PDB file of N, CA and C in Angstrom:
ATOM      1  N   MET A   1       4.630 308.474-131.422  1.00  0.00           N
ATOM      2  CA  MET A   1       3.961 308.499-130.135  1.00  0.00           C
ATOM      3  C   MET A   1       2.536 307.974-130.297  1.00  0.00           C
ATOM      4  N   LEU A   2       2.125 307.129-129.370  1.00  0.00           N
ATOM      5  CA  LEU A   2       0.795 306.539-129.421  1.00  0.00           C
ATOM      6  C   LEU A   2      -0.249 307.504-128.887  1.00  0.00           C
ATOM      7  N   SER A   3      -1.454 307.402-129.423  1.00  0.00           N
ATOM      8  CA  SER A   3      -2.561 308.167-128.858  1.00  0.00           C
ATOM      9  C   SER A   3      -2.850 307.622-127.459  1.00  0.00           C
ATOM     10  N   ASP A   4      -3.561 308.399-126.662  1.00  0.00           N
ATOM     11  CA  ASP A   4      -3.880 307.962-125.300  1.00  0.00           C
ATOM     12  C   ASP A   4      -4.652 306.648-125.299  1.00  0.00           C
ATOM     13  N   ARG A   5      -5.616 306.528-126.199  1.00  0.00           N
ATOM     14  CA  ARG A   5      -6.424 305.306-126.238  1.00  0.00           C
ATOM     15  C   ARG A   5      -5.601 304.111-126.702  1.00  0.00           C
ATOM     16  N   MET A   6      -4.743 304.309-127.687  1.00  0.00           N
ATOM     17  CA  MET A   6      -3.910 303.194-128.134  1.00  0.00           C
ATOM     18  C   MET A   6      -2.937 302.794-127.025  1.00  0.00           C
ATOM     19  N   ALA A   7      -2.399 303.755-126.311  1.00  0.00           N
ATOM     20  CA  ALA A   7      -1.503 303.446-125.195  1.00  0.00           C
ATOM     21  C   ALA A   7      -2.250 302.682-124.106  1.00  0.00           C
ATOM     22  N   GLU A   8      -3.492 303.052-123.878  1.00  0.00           N
ATOM     23  CA  GLU A   8      -4.300 302.351-122.879  1.00  0.00           C
ATOM     24  C   GLU A   8      -4.554 300.901-123.314  1.00  0.00           C
ATOM     25  N   LEU A   9      -4.869 300.702-124.589  1.00  0.00           N
ATOM     26  CA  LEU A   9      -5.049 299.340-125.109  1.00  0.00           C
ATOM     27  C   LEU A   9      -3.753 298.543-125.000  1.00  0.00           C
ATOM     28  N   ARG A  10      -2.640 299.190-125.316  1.00  0.00           N
ATOM     29  CA  ARG A  10      -1.328 298.537-125.209  1.00  0.00           C
ATOM     30  C   ARG A  10      -1.079 298.077-123.778  1.00  0.00           C
ATOM     31  N   ASP A  11      -1.387 298.945-122.825  1.00  0.00           N
ATOM     32  CA  ASP A  11      -1.154 298.612-121.422  1.00  0.00           C
ATOM     33  C   ASP A  11      -2.067 297.484-120.947  1.00  0.00           C
ATOM     34  N   MET A  12      -3.319 297.481-121.412  1.00  0.00           N
ATOM     35  CA  MET A  12      -4.241 296.386-121.079  1.00  0.00           C
ATOM     36  C   MET A  12      -3.703 295.068-121.610  1.00  0.00           C
ATOM     37  N   ALA A  13      -3.290 295.072-122.872  1.00  0.00           N
ATOM     38  CA  ALA A  13      -2.765 293.853-123.486  1.00  0.00           C
ATOM     39  C   ALA A  13      -1.506 293.387-122.763  1.00  0.00           C
ATOM     40  N   ALA A  14      -0.630 294.302-122.416  1.00  0.00           N
ATOM     41  CA  ALA A  14       0.602 293.943-121.713  1.00  0.00           C
ATOM     42  C   ALA A  14       0.288 293.293-120.373  1.00  0.00           C
ATOM     43  N   ASP A  15      -0.688 293.838-119.663  1.00  0.00           N
ATOM     44  CA  ASP A  15      -1.080 293.286-118.370  1.00  0.00           C
ATOM     45  C   ASP A  15      -1.621 291.867-118.530  1.00  0.00           C
ATOM     46  N   ILE A  16      -2.497 291.676-119.492  1.00  0.00           N
ATOM     47  CA  ILE A  16      -3.113 290.363-119.702  1.00  0.00           C
ATOM     48  C   ILE A  16      -2.109 289.343-120.222  1.00  0.00           C
ATOM     49  N   PHE A  17      -1.252 289.753-121.147  1.00  0.00           N
ATOM     50  CA  PHE A  17      -0.284 288.830-121.742  1.00  0.00           C
ATOM     51  C   PHE A  17       0.984 288.700-120.895  1.00  0.00           C
ATOM     52  N   THR A  18       1.053 289.443-119.791  1.00  0.00           N
ATOM     53  CA  THR A  18       2.210 289.476-118.883  1.00  0.00           C
ATOM     54  C   THR A  18       3.530 289.713-119.620  1.00  0.00           C
ATOM     55  N   VAL A  19       3.534 290.805-120.380  1.00  0.00           N
ATOM     56  CA  VAL A  19       4.739 291.257-121.080  1.00  0.00           C
ATOM     57  C   VAL A  19       4.874 292.761-120.861  1.00  0.00           C
ATOM     58  N   GLU A  20       5.985 293.309-121.287  1.00  0.00           N
ATOM     59  CA  GLU A  20       6.190 294.748-121.192  1.00  0.00           C
ATOM     60  C   GLU A  20       5.379 295.464-122.277  1.00  0.00           C
ATOM     61  N   PRO A  21       4.895 296.676-121.992  1.00  0.00           N
ATOM     62  CA  PRO A  21       4.126 297.422-122.993  1.00  0.00           C
ATOM     63  C   PRO A  21       4.854 297.567-124.328  1.00  0.00           C
ATOM     64  N   GLU A  22       6.158 297.743-124.284  1.00  0.00           N
ATOM     65  CA  GLU A  22       6.926 297.898-125.514  1.00  0.00           C
ATOM     66  C   GLU A  22       6.851 296.646-126.385  1.00  0.00           C
ATOM     67  N   GLU A  23       6.755 295.482-125.737  1.00  0.00           N
ATOM     68  CA  GLU A  23       6.646 294.238-126.496  1.00  0.00           C
ATOM     69  C   GLU A  23       5.326 294.187-127.264  1.00  0.00           C
ATOM     70  N   VAL A  24       4.265 294.704-126.657  1.00  0.00           N
ATOM     71  CA  VAL A  24       2.963 294.745-127.330  1.00  0.00           C
ATOM     72  C   VAL A  24       3.048 295.677-128.530  1.00  0.00           C
ATOM     73  N   GLU A  25       3.687 296.824-128.341  1.00  0.00           N
ATOM     74  CA  GLU A  25       3.833 297.806-129.422  1.00  0.00           C
ATOM     75  C   GLU A  25       4.582 297.226-130.614  1.00  0.00           C
ATOM     76  N   GLN A  26       5.607 296.438-130.349  1.00  0.00           N
ATOM     77  CA  GLN A  26       6.478 295.932-131.400  1.00  0.00           C
ATOM     78  C   GLN A  26       5.994 294.621-132.006  1.00  0.00           C
ATOM     79  N   ALA A  27       5.030 293.970-131.370  1.00  0.00           N
ATOM     80  CA  ALA A  27       4.581 292.650-131.816  1.00  0.00           C
ATOM     81  C   ALA A  27       3.819 292.738-133.134  1.00  0.00           C
ATOM     82  N   ALA A  28       4.225 291.914-134.075  1.00  0.00           N
ATOM     83  CA  ALA A  28       3.488 291.811-135.333  1.00  0.00           C
ATOM     84  C   ALA A  28       2.258 290.928-135.147  1.00  0.00           C
ATOM     85  N   SER A  29       2.324 290.068-134.140  1.00  0.00           N
ATOM     86  CA  SER A  29       1.221 289.149-133.862  1.00  0.00           C
ATOM     87  C   SER A  29       1.183 288.850-132.372  1.00  0.00           C
ATOM     88  N   PHE A  30       0.020 289.070-131.753  1.00  0.00           N
ATOM     89  CA  PHE A  30      -0.114 288.747-130.334  1.00  0.00           C
ATOM     90  C   PHE A  30       0.162 287.261-130.102  1.00  0.00           C
ATOM     91  N   ALA A  31      -0.359 286.414-130.971  1.00  0.00           N
ATOM     92  CA  ALA A  31      -0.202 284.969-130.786  1.00  0.00           C
ATOM     93  C   ALA A  31       1.236 284.522-131.040  1.00  0.00           C
ATOM     94  N   ASP A  32       1.786 284.905-132.182  1.00  0.00           N
ATOM     95  CA  ASP A  32       3.119 284.426-132.556  1.00  0.00           C
ATOM     96  C   ASP A  32       4.235 285.061-131.744  1.00  0.00           C
ATOM     97  N   ASP A  33       4.134 286.357-131.489  1.00  0.00           N
ATOM     98  CA  ASP A  33       5.226 287.068-130.819  1.00  0.00           C
ATOM     99  C   ASP A  33       5.100 287.094-129.297  1.00  0.00           C
ATOM    100  N   LEU A  34       3.860 287.039-128.796  1.00  0.00           N
ATOM    101  CA  LEU A  34       3.656 287.177-127.355  1.00  0.00           C
ATOM    102  C   LEU A  34       3.075 285.928-126.710  1.00  0.00           C
ATOM    103  N   GLY A  35       2.765 284.931-127.517  1.00  0.00           N
ATOM    104  CA  GLY A  35       2.228 283.688-126.977  1.00  0.00           C
ATOM    105  C   GLY A  35       0.796 283.782-126.492  1.00  0.00           C
ATOM    106  N   ALA A  36       0.062 284.769-126.955  1.00  0.00           N
ATOM    107  CA  ALA A  36      -1.330 284.931-126.540  1.00  0.00           C
ATOM    108  C   ALA A  36      -2.175 283.816-127.147  1.00  0.00           C
ATOM    109  N   ASP A  37      -2.983 283.187-126.300  1.00  0.00           N
ATOM    110  CA  ASP A  37      -3.880 282.147-126.794  1.00  0.00           C
ATOM    111  C   ASP A  37      -5.315 282.669-126.787  1.00  0.00           C
ATOM    112  N   SER A  38      -6.256 281.813-127.140  1.00  0.00           N
ATOM    113  CA  SER A  38      -7.646 282.255-127.266  1.00  0.00           C
ATOM    114  C   SER A  38      -8.233 282.696-125.929  1.00  0.00           C
ATOM    115  N   LEU A  39      -7.835 282.076-124.838  1.00  0.00           N
ATOM    116  CA  LEU A  39      -8.346 282.487-123.529  1.00  0.00           C
ATOM    117  C   LEU A  39      -7.879 283.894-123.175  1.00  0.00           C
ATOM    118  N   LEU A  40      -6.627 284.194-123.451  1.00  0.00           N
ATOM    119  CA  LEU A  40      -6.118 285.538-123.188  1.00  0.00           C
ATOM    120  C   LEU A  40      -6.778 286.559-124.104  1.00  0.00           C
ATOM    121  N   ALA A  41      -7.048 286.164-125.339  1.00  0.00           N
ATOM    122  CA  ALA A  41      -7.719 287.065-126.279  1.00  0.00           C
ATOM    123  C   ALA A  41      -9.122 287.402-125.790  1.00  0.00           C
ATOM    124  N   VAL A  42      -9.837 286.405-125.280  1.00  0.00           N
ATOM    125  CA  VAL A  42     -11.182 286.640-124.748  1.00  0.00           C
ATOM    126  C   VAL A  42     -11.107 287.532-123.511  1.00  0.00           C
ATOM    127  N   GLU A  43     -10.100 287.336-122.680  1.00  0.00           N
ATOM    128  CA  GLU A  43      -9.923 288.194-121.504  1.00  0.00           C
ATOM    129  C   GLU A  43      -9.673 289.645-121.922  1.00  0.00           C
ATOM    130  N   LEU A  44      -8.850 289.845-122.945  1.00  0.00           N
ATOM    131  CA  LEU A  44      -8.600 291.195-123.450  1.00  0.00           C
ATOM    132  C   LEU A  44      -9.895 291.799-123.987  1.00  0.00           C
ATOM    133  N   LEU A  45     -10.642 291.034-124.757  1.00  0.00           N
ATOM    134  CA  LEU A  45     -11.910 291.508-125.306  1.00  0.00           C
ATOM    135  C   LEU A  45     -12.859 291.923-124.188  1.00  0.00           C
ATOM    136  N   SER A  46     -12.962 291.112-123.157  1.00  0.00           N
ATOM    137  CA  SER A  46     -13.839 291.411-122.026  1.00  0.00           C
ATOM    138  C   SER A  46     -13.423 292.696-121.322  1.00  0.00           C
ATOM    139  N   ARG A  47     -12.136 292.845-121.106  1.00  0.00           N
ATOM    140  CA  ARG A  47     -11.649 294.049-120.430  1.00  0.00           C
ATOM    141  C   ARG A  47     -11.897 295.295-121.276  1.00  0.00           C
ATOM    142  N   ILE A  48     -11.708 295.184-122.580  1.00  0.00           N
ATOM    143  CA  ILE A  48     -11.969 296.309-123.489  1.00  0.00           C
ATOM    144  C   ILE A  48     -13.442 296.693-123.436  1.00  0.00           C
ATOM    145  N   GLU A  49     -14.319 295.684-123.494  1.00  0.00           N
ATOM    146  CA  GLU A  49     -15.757 295.963-123.461  1.00  0.00           C
ATOM    147  C   GLU A  49     -16.153 296.652-122.162  1.00  0.00           C
ATOM    148  N   GLN A  50     -15.603 296.198-121.049  1.00  0.00           N
ATOM    149  CA  GLN A  50     -15.910 296.819-119.755  1.00  0.00           C
ATOM    150  C   GLN A  50     -15.369 298.240-119.683  1.00  0.00           C
ATOM    151  N   ARG A  51     -14.157 298.437-120.115  1.00  0.00           N
ATOM    152  CA  ARG A  51     -13.508 299.747-120.004  1.00  0.00           C
ATOM    153  C   ARG A  51     -14.190 300.805-120.857  1.00  0.00           C
ATOM    154  N   TYR A  52     -14.555 300.439-122.078  1.00  0.00           N
ATOM    155  CA  TYR A  52     -15.091 301.425-123.012  1.00  0.00           C
ATOM    156  C   TYR A  52     -16.604 301.354-123.179  1.00  0.00           C
ATOM    157  N   GLY A  53     -17.253 300.411-122.508  1.00  0.00           N
ATOM    158  CA  GLY A  53     -18.702 300.305-122.593  1.00  0.00           C
ATOM    159  C   GLY A  53     -19.192 299.975-123.989  1.00  0.00           C
ATOM    160  N   VAL A  54     -18.462 299.124-124.681  1.00  0.00           N
ATOM    161  CA  VAL A  54     -18.823 298.730-126.045  1.00  0.00           C
ATOM    162  C   VAL A  54     -19.077 297.228-126.089  1.00  0.00           C
ATOM    163  N   MET A  55     -19.783 296.815-127.118  1.00  0.00           N
ATOM    164  CA  MET A  55     -19.967 295.390-127.388  1.00  0.00           C
ATOM    165  C   MET A  55     -19.245 295.092-128.699  1.00  0.00           C
ATOM    166  N   ILE A  56     -18.335 294.158-128.638  1.00  0.00           N
ATOM    167  CA  ILE A  56     -17.579 293.771-129.828  1.00  0.00           C
ATOM    168  C   ILE A  56     -18.001 292.359-130.201  1.00  0.00           C
ATOM    169  N   ASP A  57     -18.379 292.181-131.440  1.00  0.00           N
ATOM    170  CA  ASP A  57     -18.811 290.885-131.939  1.00  0.00           C
ATOM    171  C   ASP A  57     -17.679 289.879-131.781  1.00  0.00           C
ATOM    172  N   ALA A  58     -18.015 288.690-131.311  1.00  0.00           N
ATOM    173  CA  ALA A  58     -16.997 287.654-131.116  1.00  0.00           C
ATOM    174  C   ALA A  58     -16.259 287.350-132.420  1.00  0.00           C
ATOM    175  N   GLY A  59     -16.922 287.531-133.544  1.00  0.00           N
ATOM    176  CA  GLY A  59     -16.275 287.315-134.832  1.00  0.00           C
ATOM    177  C   GLY A  59     -15.145 288.291-135.100  1.00  0.00           C
ATOM    178  N   ASP A  60     -15.201 289.460-134.445  1.00  0.00           N
ATOM    179  CA  ASP A  60     -14.139 290.447-134.616  1.00  0.00           C
ATOM    180  C   ASP A  60     -12.880 290.082-133.842  1.00  0.00           C
ATOM    181  N   LEU A  61     -13.004 289.131-132.927  1.00  0.00           N
ATOM    182  CA  LEU A  61     -11.854 288.725-132.122  1.00  0.00           C
ATOM    183  C   LEU A  61     -10.704 288.245-133.007  1.00  0.00           C
ATOM    184  N   GLU A  62     -11.027 287.536-134.081  1.00  0.00           N
ATOM    185  CA  GLU A  62      -9.966 287.029-134.963  1.00  0.00           C
ATOM    186  C   GLU A  62      -9.267 288.142-135.730  1.00  0.00           C
ATOM    187  N   LYS A  63      -9.879 289.320-135.792  1.00  0.00           N
ATOM    188  CA  LYS A  63      -9.243 290.470-136.446  1.00  0.00           C
ATOM    189  C   LYS A  63      -8.253 291.167-135.517  1.00  0.00           C
ATOM    190  N   MET A  64      -8.365 290.918-134.214  1.00  0.00           N
ATOM    191  CA  MET A  64      -7.557 291.617-133.209  1.00  0.00           C
ATOM    192  C   MET A  64      -6.232 290.884-133.010  1.00  0.00           C
ATOM    193  N   THR A  65      -5.391 290.928-134.032  1.00  0.00           N
ATOM    194  CA  THR A  65      -4.155 290.141-134.022  1.00  0.00           C
ATOM    195  C   THR A  65      -2.934 290.905-133.529  1.00  0.00           C
ATOM    196  N   ASP A  66      -3.018 292.229-133.521  1.00  0.00           N
ATOM    197  CA  ASP A  66      -1.912 293.066-133.057  1.00  0.00           C
ATOM    198  C   ASP A  66      -2.504 294.376-132.539  1.00  0.00           C
ATOM    199  N   LEU A  67      -1.670 295.278-132.079  1.00  0.00           N
ATOM    200  CA  LEU A  67      -2.166 296.521-131.486  1.00  0.00           C
ATOM    201  C   LEU A  67      -2.939 297.389-132.480  1.00  0.00           C
ATOM    202  N   PRO A  68      -2.423 297.649-133.679  1.00  0.00           N
ATOM    203  CA  PRO A  68      -3.183 298.492-134.612  1.00  0.00           C
ATOM    204  C   PRO A  68      -4.538 297.898-135.004  1.00  0.00           C
ATOM    205  N   SER A  69      -4.585 296.593-135.242  1.00  0.00           N
ATOM    206  CA  SER A  69      -5.863 295.992-135.638  1.00  0.00           C
ATOM    207  C   SER A  69      -6.839 295.957-134.468  1.00  0.00           C
ATOM    208  N   THR A  70      -6.329 295.775-133.258  1.00  0.00           N
ATOM    209  CA  THR A  70      -7.191 295.815-132.076  1.00  0.00           C
ATOM    210  C   THR A  70      -7.761 297.211-131.901  1.00  0.00           C
ATOM    211  N   TYR A  71      -6.933 298.216-132.068  1.00  0.00           N
ATOM    212  CA  TYR A  71      -7.402 299.599-131.965  1.00  0.00           C
ATOM    213  C   TYR A  71      -8.501 299.866-132.992  1.00  0.00           C
ATOM    214  N   LYS A  72      -8.325 299.393-134.212  1.00  0.00           N
ATOM    215  CA  LYS A  72      -9.321 299.631-135.259  1.00  0.00           C
ATOM    216  C   LYS A  72     -10.660 298.998-134.899  1.00  0.00           C
ATOM    217  N   VAL A  73     -10.647 297.763-134.417  1.00  0.00           N
ATOM    218  CA  VAL A  73     -11.889 297.085-134.028  1.00  0.00           C
ATOM    219  C   VAL A  73     -12.581 297.860-132.909  1.00  0.00           C
ATOM    220  N   VAL A  74     -11.813 298.275-131.905  1.00  0.00           N
ATOM    221  CA  VAL A  74     -12.391 299.008-130.777  1.00  0.00           C
ATOM    222  C   VAL A  74     -12.892 300.376-131.230  1.00  0.00           C
ATOM    223  N   ALA A  75     -12.114 301.065-132.038  1.00  0.00           N
ATOM    224  CA  ALA A  75     -12.517 302.390-132.525  1.00  0.00           C
ATOM    225  C   ALA A  75     -13.803 302.306-133.338  1.00  0.00           C
ATOM    226  N   ASP A  76     -13.925 301.283-134.167  1.00  0.00           N
ATOM    227  CA  ASP A  76     -15.148 301.104-134.952  1.00  0.00           C
ATOM    228  C   ASP A  76     -16.344 300.850-134.037  1.00  0.00           C
ATOM    229  N   ALA A  77     -16.155 300.013-133.021  1.00  0.00           N
ATOM    230  CA  ALA A  77     -17.247 299.690-132.091  1.00  0.00           C
ATOM    231  C   ALA A  77     -17.638 300.897-131.244  1.00  0.00           C
ATOM    232  N   ALA A  78     -16.640 301.706-130.877  1.00  0.00           N
ATOM    233  CA  ALA A  78     -16.887 302.857-129.998  1.00  0.00           C
ATOM    234  C   ALA A  78     -17.264 304.118-130.765  1.00  0.00           C
ATOM    235  N   GLY A  79     -17.066 304.098-132.076  1.00  0.00           N
ATOM    236  CA  GLY A  79     -17.370 305.278-132.877  1.00  0.00           C
ATOM    237  C   GLY A  79     -16.361 306.403-132.712  1.00  0.00           C
ATOM    238  N   TRP A  80     -15.095 306.051-132.485  1.00  0.00           N
ATOM    239  CA  TRP A  80     -14.044 307.066-132.327  1.00  0.00           C
ATOM    240  C   TRP A  80     -13.664 307.639-133.664  1.00  0.00           C
TER     241      TRP A  80
END
């Protein structure tokens, strides 16, 4: 079972990538498995920053390749 915050990130990614939440959970790679491109990645980053009131370095965007790695970047930025 996902934590509330990870589930929220999953749902944000699913909305932006126009896929089902389960697909985000199972994806080994947002780009390879879900077809996410750099524009969608920037949109996800922007939505995360707005939702959680954090600033994430653009260099960290390349680390956000799947749900667990995205959660780690956000958790580090938010101090969770």
